[in-house]
C-alpha cells in the first residue's frame, strides 16, 4: 500500500473535487499584456472558480474578489486584497493536495506590485496542485488533508 493510499484510508471523511486546469504561467502573463490586462481578469475569475470547486472548504467568494480585482485598479487596495485572498486559496489547495505549502500571499502581491509578474508566481504555485494529481482538468480527485 502506498503512503498516499494509507493517508486516504485513515481519514474518516473523504473529500474530493475537480482538479484545476494547468496553464503555462508565461502564456497567462503574455496574454494579459497583449490584451491590456483583460485576460488577467478572465484568468483570475477562472482560477478562483476552479479553486472553489476543487475544495469547497476553501473560504471566500471568488465572485466578490473578481469584481474587486477587475474594478479596483484605480484605487489599488481592493485589487491587492483580492490577489492576497487568491494566494491564500492556493495555500489551502496545496494543503488539501497534501503538498508542502509554498505559496506566500505577501510574495504574490509584492511580485504583482513591484515587478508585474505576480501572475507568473501564482499560476506556478497553482500548477503544483495540478501536477500533484497528474489528472486532466475537471477530473474528480481526492484531497489528502
N, C-alpha and C. Protein backbone atom coordinates (compact mmCIF):
# COMPACT_ATOMS: atom_id res chain seq x y z
N UNK A 1 0.85 -1.18 0.00
CA UNK A 1 0.00 0.00 0.00
C UNK A 1 0.90 1.24 0.00
N UNK A 2 0.60 2.16 -0.88
CA UNK A 2 1.40 3.38 -0.98
C UNK A 2 1.09 4.31 0.20
N UNK A 3 2.02 5.24 0.51
CA UNK A 3 1.75 6.19 1.60
C UNK A 3 0.50 7.04 1.34
N UNK A 4 0.29 7.40 0.07
CA UNK A 4 -0.90 8.20 -0.25
C UNK A 4 -2.18 7.43 0.03
N UNK A 5 -2.20 6.15 -0.31
CA UNK A 5 -3.38 5.33 -0.08
C UNK A 5 -3.66 5.18 1.41
N UNK A 6 -2.61 4.99 2.19
CA UNK A 6 -2.82 4.83 3.63
C UNK A 6 -3.36 6.12 4.25
N UNK A 7 -2.92 7.27 3.75
CA UNK A 7 -3.45 8.55 4.25
C UNK A 7 -4.94 8.65 3.94
N UNK A 8 -5.31 8.30 2.72
CA UNK A 8 -6.73 8.38 2.35
C UNK A 8 -7.58 7.42 3.17
N UNK A 9 -7.09 6.21 3.38
CA UNK A 9 -7.87 5.21 4.11
C UNK A 9 -7.98 5.53 5.60
N UNK A 10 -7.04 6.30 6.13
CA UNK A 10 -7.07 6.62 7.55
C UNK A 10 -8.05 7.75 7.88
N UNK A 11 -8.52 8.47 6.88
CA UNK A 11 -9.44 9.59 7.13
C UNK A 11 -10.86 9.07 7.29
N UNK A 12 -11.59 9.71 8.19
CA UNK A 12 -12.99 9.32 8.41
C UNK A 12 -13.87 9.76 7.25
N UNK A 13 -13.67 10.98 6.78
CA UNK A 13 -14.48 11.52 5.69
C UNK A 13 -13.56 11.89 4.54
N UNK A 14 -13.82 11.31 3.40
CA UNK A 14 -13.03 11.65 2.22
C UNK A 14 -13.70 12.82 1.50
N UNK A 15 -12.90 13.80 1.14
CA UNK A 15 -13.41 14.92 0.35
C UNK A 15 -12.74 14.88 -1.01
N UNK A 16 -13.43 15.38 -1.98
CA UNK A 16 -12.89 15.38 -3.34
C UNK A 16 -13.47 16.54 -4.11
N UNK A 17 -12.87 16.82 -5.25
CA UNK A 17 -13.34 17.89 -6.12
C UNK A 17 -12.63 17.80 -7.46
N UNK A 18 -13.10 18.56 -8.44
CA UNK A 18 -12.47 18.52 -9.76
C UNK A 18 -11.09 19.19 -9.75
N UNK A 19 -10.15 18.56 -10.42
CA UNK A 19 -8.80 19.10 -10.49
C UNK A 19 -8.80 20.42 -11.28
N UNK A 20 -8.01 21.41 -10.83
CA UNK A 20 -7.90 22.66 -11.60
C UNK A 20 -7.18 22.43 -12.93
N UNK A 21 -7.26 23.41 -13.79
CA UNK A 21 -6.62 23.34 -15.10
C UNK A 21 -5.17 23.80 -15.01
N UNK A 22 -4.30 23.11 -15.73
CA UNK A 22 -2.90 23.51 -15.78
C UNK A 22 -2.74 24.55 -16.89
N UNK A 23 -2.12 25.67 -16.54
CA UNK A 23 -1.87 26.74 -17.51
C UNK A 23 -0.38 27.07 -17.49
N UNK A 24 0.11 27.52 -18.62
CA UNK A 24 1.51 27.96 -18.69
C UNK A 24 1.58 29.38 -18.15
N UNK A 25 2.35 29.61 -17.09
CA UNK A 25 2.43 30.95 -16.49
C UNK A 25 2.85 32.04 -17.48
N UNK A 26 3.81 31.73 -18.35
CA UNK A 26 4.27 32.75 -19.31
C UNK A 26 3.17 33.10 -20.30
N UNK A 27 2.37 32.11 -20.69
CA UNK A 27 1.27 32.38 -21.62
C UNK A 27 0.21 33.26 -20.96
N UNK A 28 -0.07 33.00 -19.68
CA UNK A 28 -1.04 33.82 -18.96
C UNK A 28 -0.53 35.26 -18.88
N UNK A 29 0.74 35.43 -18.56
CA UNK A 29 1.33 36.77 -18.46
C UNK A 29 1.30 37.48 -19.82
N UNK A 30 1.71 36.77 -20.88
CA UNK A 30 1.75 37.38 -22.21
C UNK A 30 0.36 37.77 -22.69
N UNK A 31 -0.62 36.90 -22.51
CA UNK A 31 -1.99 37.22 -22.94
C UNK A 31 -2.53 38.42 -22.17
N UNK A 32 -2.17 38.54 -20.90
CA UNK A 32 -2.59 39.70 -20.12
C UNK A 32 -1.99 40.99 -20.66
N UNK A 33 -0.72 40.94 -21.01
CA UNK A 33 -0.06 42.13 -21.58
C UNK A 33 -0.66 42.45 -22.95
N UNK A 34 -0.88 41.43 -23.77
CA UNK A 34 -1.40 41.63 -25.12
C UNK A 34 -2.82 42.19 -25.13
N UNK A 35 -3.60 41.86 -24.11
CA UNK A 35 -4.99 42.35 -24.06
C UNK A 35 -5.15 43.51 -23.09
N UNK A 36 -4.05 44.11 -22.70
CA UNK A 36 -4.04 45.26 -21.78
C UNK A 36 -4.72 44.94 -20.45
N UNK A 37 -4.51 43.73 -19.97
CA UNK A 37 -5.00 43.34 -18.66
C UNK A 37 -6.34 42.64 -18.64
N UNK A 38 -7.04 42.61 -19.75
CA UNK A 38 -8.37 42.00 -19.77
C UNK A 38 -8.26 40.49 -19.50
N UNK A 39 -7.26 39.84 -20.08
CA UNK A 39 -7.13 38.39 -19.87
C UNK A 39 -6.80 38.08 -18.41
N UNK A 40 -6.10 38.95 -17.72
CA UNK A 40 -5.79 38.70 -16.31
C UNK A 40 -7.06 38.62 -15.48
N UNK A 41 -8.05 39.44 -15.84
CA UNK A 41 -9.33 39.37 -15.12
C UNK A 41 -10.02 38.04 -15.42
N UNK A 42 -9.98 37.60 -16.67
CA UNK A 42 -10.56 36.31 -17.05
C UNK A 42 -9.82 35.18 -16.33
N UNK A 43 -8.50 35.25 -16.33
CA UNK A 43 -7.69 34.24 -15.64
C UNK A 43 -8.02 34.21 -14.15
N UNK A 44 -8.11 35.38 -13.54
CA UNK A 44 -8.39 35.49 -12.11
C UNK A 44 -9.73 34.83 -11.79
N UNK A 45 -10.75 35.10 -12.59
CA UNK A 45 -12.07 34.50 -12.39
C UNK A 45 -12.01 32.99 -12.54
N UNK A 46 -11.41 32.52 -13.63
CA UNK A 46 -11.37 31.08 -13.88
C UNK A 46 -10.57 30.33 -12.82
N UNK A 47 -9.40 30.85 -12.47
CA UNK A 47 -8.55 30.17 -11.48
C UNK A 47 -9.24 30.13 -10.12
N UNK A 48 -9.86 31.22 -9.71
CA UNK A 48 -10.55 31.23 -8.43
C UNK A 48 -11.78 30.33 -8.43
N UNK A 49 -12.49 30.29 -9.53
CA UNK A 49 -13.66 29.40 -9.64
C UNK A 49 -13.20 27.94 -9.56
N UNK A 50 -12.09 27.61 -10.22
CA UNK A 50 -11.56 26.25 -10.16
C UNK A 50 -11.13 25.89 -8.73
N UNK A 51 -10.53 26.85 -8.03
CA UNK A 51 -10.13 26.60 -6.64
C UNK A 51 -11.35 26.37 -5.76
N UNK A 52 -12.40 27.15 -5.97
CA UNK A 52 -13.62 26.99 -5.18
C UNK A 52 -14.26 25.63 -5.44
N UNK A 53 -14.22 25.16 -6.66
CA UNK A 53 -14.80 23.86 -6.99
C UNK A 53 -13.90 22.71 -6.54
N UNK A 54 -12.59 22.93 -6.58
CA UNK A 54 -11.63 21.91 -6.16
C UNK A 54 -11.84 21.52 -4.70
N UNK A 55 -12.01 22.51 -3.84
CA UNK A 55 -12.22 22.24 -2.43
C UNK A 55 -13.23 23.24 -1.88
N UNK A 56 -14.43 22.75 -1.60
CA UNK A 56 -15.49 23.63 -1.12
C UNK A 56 -15.21 24.16 0.28
N UNK A 57 -14.22 23.59 0.96
CA UNK A 57 -13.86 24.07 2.31
C UNK A 57 -13.06 25.37 2.26
N UNK A 58 -12.58 25.74 1.08
CA UNK A 58 -11.81 26.99 0.95
C UNK A 58 -12.78 28.16 1.08
N UNK A 59 -12.53 29.05 2.05
CA UNK A 59 -13.49 30.13 2.31
C UNK A 59 -13.39 31.27 1.30
N UNK A 60 -14.44 32.08 1.26
CA UNK A 60 -14.43 33.29 0.45
C UNK A 60 -15.24 33.16 -0.82
N UNK A 61 -15.62 34.31 -1.34
CA UNK A 61 -16.40 34.38 -2.57
C UNK A 61 -15.50 34.82 -3.71
N UNK A 62 -15.30 33.94 -4.68
CA UNK A 62 -14.45 34.30 -5.81
C UNK A 62 -15.11 35.37 -6.68
N UNK A 63 -16.44 35.47 -6.65
CA UNK A 63 -17.12 36.50 -7.45
C UNK A 63 -16.82 37.90 -6.91
N UNK A 64 -16.87 38.04 -5.60
CA UNK A 64 -16.56 39.33 -4.98
C UNK A 64 -15.11 39.72 -5.25
N UNK A 65 -14.21 38.75 -5.11
CA UNK A 65 -12.80 39.03 -5.35
C UNK A 65 -12.52 39.37 -6.81
N UNK A 66 -13.23 38.72 -7.73
CA UNK A 66 -13.04 39.05 -9.15
C UNK A 66 -13.53 40.45 -9.45
N UNK A 67 -14.64 40.84 -8.84
CA UNK A 67 -15.14 42.21 -9.02
C UNK A 67 -14.14 43.21 -8.47
N UNK A 68 -13.60 42.93 -7.29
CA UNK A 68 -12.60 43.82 -6.69
C UNK A 68 -11.34 43.88 -7.55
N UNK A 69 -10.95 42.74 -8.10
CA UNK A 69 -9.75 42.69 -8.95
C UNK A 69 -9.97 43.48 -10.24
N UNK A 70 -11.14 43.34 -10.84
CA UNK A 70 -11.41 43.99 -12.12
C UNK A 70 -11.64 45.49 -11.98
N UNK A 71 -12.36 45.89 -10.94
CA UNK A 71 -12.75 47.29 -10.82
C UNK A 71 -11.91 48.08 -9.82
N UNK A 72 -11.04 47.41 -9.09
CA UNK A 72 -10.28 48.08 -8.05
C UNK A 72 -8.97 48.68 -8.50
N UNK A 73 -8.63 48.58 -9.80
CA UNK A 73 -7.32 49.06 -10.24
C UNK A 73 -7.11 50.55 -10.07
N UNK A 74 -8.12 51.42 -10.17
CA UNK A 74 -7.82 52.85 -9.96
C UNK A 74 -7.39 53.14 -8.52
N UNK A 75 -7.95 52.40 -7.57
CA UNK A 75 -7.62 52.61 -6.17
C UNK A 75 -6.42 51.76 -5.78
N UNK A 76 -6.38 50.53 -6.24
CA UNK A 76 -5.28 49.63 -5.96
C UNK A 76 -5.52 48.69 -4.80
N UNK A 77 -6.02 49.20 -3.71
CA UNK A 77 -6.17 48.40 -2.49
C UNK A 77 -7.10 47.20 -2.70
N UNK A 78 -8.30 47.35 -3.27
CA UNK A 78 -9.17 46.19 -3.46
C UNK A 78 -8.51 45.11 -4.32
N UNK A 79 -7.78 45.55 -5.34
CA UNK A 79 -7.11 44.60 -6.22
C UNK A 79 -6.06 43.79 -5.45
N UNK A 80 -5.30 44.45 -4.61
CA UNK A 80 -4.24 43.76 -3.87
C UNK A 80 -4.83 42.83 -2.81
N UNK A 81 -5.94 43.23 -2.21
CA UNK A 81 -6.60 42.35 -1.25
C UNK A 81 -7.15 41.10 -1.96
N UNK A 82 -7.68 41.28 -3.16
CA UNK A 82 -8.18 40.13 -3.92
C UNK A 82 -7.04 39.19 -4.30
N UNK A 83 -5.90 39.75 -4.69
CA UNK A 83 -4.73 38.91 -5.00
C UNK A 83 -4.26 38.16 -3.76
N UNK A 84 -4.26 38.82 -2.63
CA UNK A 84 -3.85 38.19 -1.38
C UNK A 84 -4.78 37.03 -1.03
N UNK A 85 -6.09 37.24 -1.20
CA UNK A 85 -7.05 36.17 -0.91
C UNK A 85 -6.91 35.02 -1.89
N UNK A 86 -6.58 35.32 -3.15
CA UNK A 86 -6.35 34.24 -4.12
C UNK A 86 -5.15 33.40 -3.70
N UNK A 87 -4.08 34.06 -3.27
CA UNK A 87 -2.90 33.33 -2.83
C UNK A 87 -3.22 32.47 -1.60
N UNK A 88 -4.08 32.96 -0.72
CA UNK A 88 -4.49 32.15 0.43
C UNK A 88 -5.31 30.94 -0.01
N UNK A 89 -6.11 31.10 -1.06
CA UNK A 89 -6.86 29.95 -1.60
C UNK A 89 -5.89 28.92 -2.17
N UNK A 90 -4.85 29.39 -2.85
CA UNK A 90 -3.86 28.46 -3.41
C UNK A 90 -3.14 27.74 -2.27
N UNK A 91 -2.84 28.46 -1.19
CA UNK A 91 -2.26 27.82 0.00
C UNK A 91 -3.16 26.69 0.50
N UNK A 92 -4.44 26.97 0.62
CA UNK A 92 -5.39 25.96 1.10
C UNK A 92 -5.47 24.78 0.15
N UNK A 93 -5.41 25.04 -1.15
CA UNK A 93 -5.45 23.96 -2.13
C UNK A 93 -4.18 23.11 -2.04
N UNK A 94 -3.04 23.73 -1.82
CA UNK A 94 -1.80 22.96 -1.66
C UNK A 94 -1.90 22.07 -0.43
N UNK A 95 -2.45 22.60 0.64
CA UNK A 95 -2.63 21.80 1.86
C UNK A 95 -3.58 20.63 1.60
N UNK A 96 -4.69 20.89 0.92
CA UNK A 96 -5.67 19.84 0.62
C UNK A 96 -5.07 18.76 -0.28
N UNK A 97 -4.13 19.15 -1.14
CA UNK A 97 -3.49 18.19 -2.04
C UNK A 97 -2.38 17.40 -1.34
N UNK A 98 -2.11 17.73 -0.08
CA UNK A 98 -1.08 17.02 0.65
C UNK A 98 0.32 17.49 0.31
N UNK A 99 0.42 18.69 -0.23
CA UNK A 99 1.73 19.26 -0.60
C UNK A 99 2.23 20.17 0.52
N UNK A 100 3.54 20.37 0.58
CA UNK A 100 4.02 21.42 1.49
C UNK A 100 3.53 22.77 0.97
N UNK A 101 3.08 23.61 1.86
CA UNK A 101 2.54 24.91 1.46
C UNK A 101 3.70 25.84 1.12
N UNK A 102 3.80 26.19 -0.16
CA UNK A 102 4.90 27.05 -0.62
C UNK A 102 4.41 28.40 -1.13
N UNK A 103 3.11 28.56 -1.29
CA UNK A 103 2.57 29.82 -1.80
C UNK A 103 2.52 30.84 -0.66
N UNK A 104 3.13 31.98 -0.87
CA UNK A 104 3.14 33.04 0.13
C UNK A 104 2.33 34.22 -0.41
N UNK A 105 1.22 34.57 0.24
CA UNK A 105 0.39 35.66 -0.26
C UNK A 105 1.14 36.98 -0.40
N UNK A 106 1.97 37.31 0.56
CA UNK A 106 2.70 38.58 0.50
C UNK A 106 3.65 38.60 -0.70
N UNK A 107 4.29 37.49 -0.98
CA UNK A 107 5.18 37.41 -2.13
C UNK A 107 4.41 37.61 -3.43
N UNK A 108 3.24 36.98 -3.55
CA UNK A 108 2.43 37.13 -4.75
C UNK A 108 2.02 38.57 -5.00
N UNK A 109 1.58 39.26 -3.93
CA UNK A 109 1.16 40.65 -4.07
C UNK A 109 2.36 41.54 -4.40
N UNK A 110 3.47 41.33 -3.70
CA UNK A 110 4.66 42.16 -3.96
C UNK A 110 5.21 41.95 -5.36
N UNK A 111 5.19 40.72 -5.84
CA UNK A 111 5.65 40.47 -7.21
C UNK A 111 4.73 41.15 -8.22
N UNK A 112 3.43 41.21 -7.90
CA UNK A 112 2.48 41.87 -8.80
C UNK A 112 2.75 43.37 -8.81
N UNK A 113 2.95 43.94 -7.63
CA UNK A 113 3.13 45.39 -7.49
C UNK A 113 4.48 45.84 -8.04
N UNK A 114 5.53 45.18 -7.62
CA UNK A 114 6.89 45.66 -7.93
C UNK A 114 7.36 45.26 -9.33
N UNK A 115 7.06 44.07 -9.74
CA UNK A 115 7.63 43.57 -10.99
C UNK A 115 6.60 43.24 -12.05
N UNK A 116 5.33 43.22 -11.69
CA UNK A 116 4.28 42.88 -12.65
C UNK A 116 4.27 41.42 -13.05
N UNK A 117 4.89 40.58 -12.23
CA UNK A 117 4.98 39.16 -12.57
C UNK A 117 4.28 38.28 -11.54
N UNK A 118 3.40 38.87 -10.75
CA UNK A 118 2.67 38.09 -9.75
C UNK A 118 1.86 36.98 -10.36
N UNK A 119 1.35 37.18 -11.57
CA UNK A 119 0.57 36.15 -12.24
C UNK A 119 1.44 34.92 -12.53
N UNK A 120 2.71 35.14 -12.84
CA UNK A 120 3.62 34.01 -13.07
C UNK A 120 3.77 33.19 -11.80
N UNK A 121 3.98 33.88 -10.69
CA UNK A 121 4.17 33.21 -9.40
C UNK A 121 2.91 32.45 -8.98
N UNK A 122 1.76 33.12 -9.03
CA UNK A 122 0.53 32.50 -8.58
C UNK A 122 0.14 31.30 -9.45
N UNK A 123 0.29 31.43 -10.76
CA UNK A 123 -0.07 30.31 -11.63
C UNK A 123 0.90 29.15 -11.44
N UNK A 124 2.17 29.45 -11.21
CA UNK A 124 3.14 28.38 -10.96
C UNK A 124 2.80 27.64 -9.67
N UNK A 125 2.40 28.36 -8.64
CA UNK A 125 2.01 27.72 -7.38
C UNK A 125 0.74 26.89 -7.56
N UNK A 126 -0.21 27.37 -8.36
CA UNK A 126 -1.43 26.60 -8.64
C UNK A 126 -1.10 25.35 -9.46
N UNK A 127 -0.15 25.45 -10.35
CA UNK A 127 0.25 24.30 -11.16
C UNK A 127 0.83 23.17 -10.30
N UNK A 128 1.39 23.50 -9.15
CA UNK A 128 1.90 22.46 -8.25
C UNK A 128 0.77 21.57 -7.77
N UNK A 129 -0.40 22.15 -7.52
CA UNK A 129 -1.56 21.36 -7.12
C UNK A 129 -1.99 20.46 -8.28
N UNK A 130 -2.02 21.01 -9.47
CA UNK A 130 -2.42 20.24 -10.65
C UNK A 130 -1.44 19.09 -10.88
N UNK A 131 -0.14 19.38 -10.77
CA UNK A 131 0.88 18.36 -11.01
C UNK A 131 0.85 17.26 -9.95
N UNK A 132 0.37 17.57 -8.77
CA UNK A 132 0.29 16.58 -7.69
C UNK A 132 -0.58 15.41 -8.10
N UNK A 133 -1.64 15.70 -8.82
CA UNK A 133 -2.56 14.65 -9.23
C UNK A 133 -2.27 14.10 -10.62
N UNK A 134 -1.77 14.92 -11.51
CA UNK A 134 -1.48 14.47 -12.86
C UNK A 134 -2.73 14.10 -13.65
N UNK A 135 -3.86 14.61 -13.23
CA UNK A 135 -5.13 14.28 -13.88
C UNK A 135 -5.57 15.45 -14.76
N UNK A 136 -6.31 15.17 -15.81
CA UNK A 136 -6.83 16.27 -16.65
C UNK A 136 -7.76 17.17 -15.86
N UNK A 137 -7.91 18.39 -16.31
CA UNK A 137 -8.78 19.36 -15.64
C UNK A 137 -10.19 18.82 -15.55
N UNK A 138 -10.80 19.00 -14.39
CA UNK A 138 -12.18 18.56 -14.18
C UNK A 138 -12.32 17.15 -13.66
N UNK A 139 -11.24 16.37 -13.64
CA UNK A 139 -11.29 15.01 -13.12
C UNK A 139 -11.45 15.06 -11.60
N UNK A 140 -12.36 14.28 -11.05
CA UNK A 140 -12.57 14.26 -9.61
C UNK A 140 -11.35 13.62 -8.94
N UNK A 141 -10.77 14.35 -7.99
CA UNK A 141 -9.60 13.87 -7.26
C UNK A 141 -9.86 13.99 -5.75
N UNK A 142 -9.24 13.11 -4.99
CA UNK A 142 -9.40 13.14 -3.53
C UNK A 142 -8.43 14.13 -2.91
N UNK A 143 -8.84 14.69 -1.78
CA UNK A 143 -7.96 15.59 -1.02
C UNK A 143 -7.23 14.76 0.03
N UNK A 144 -6.00 15.09 0.27
CA UNK A 144 -5.20 14.35 1.23
C UNK A 144 -5.22 14.96 2.61
N UNK A 145 -5.76 16.16 2.75
CA UNK A 145 -5.82 16.79 4.07
C UNK A 145 -7.17 17.46 4.24
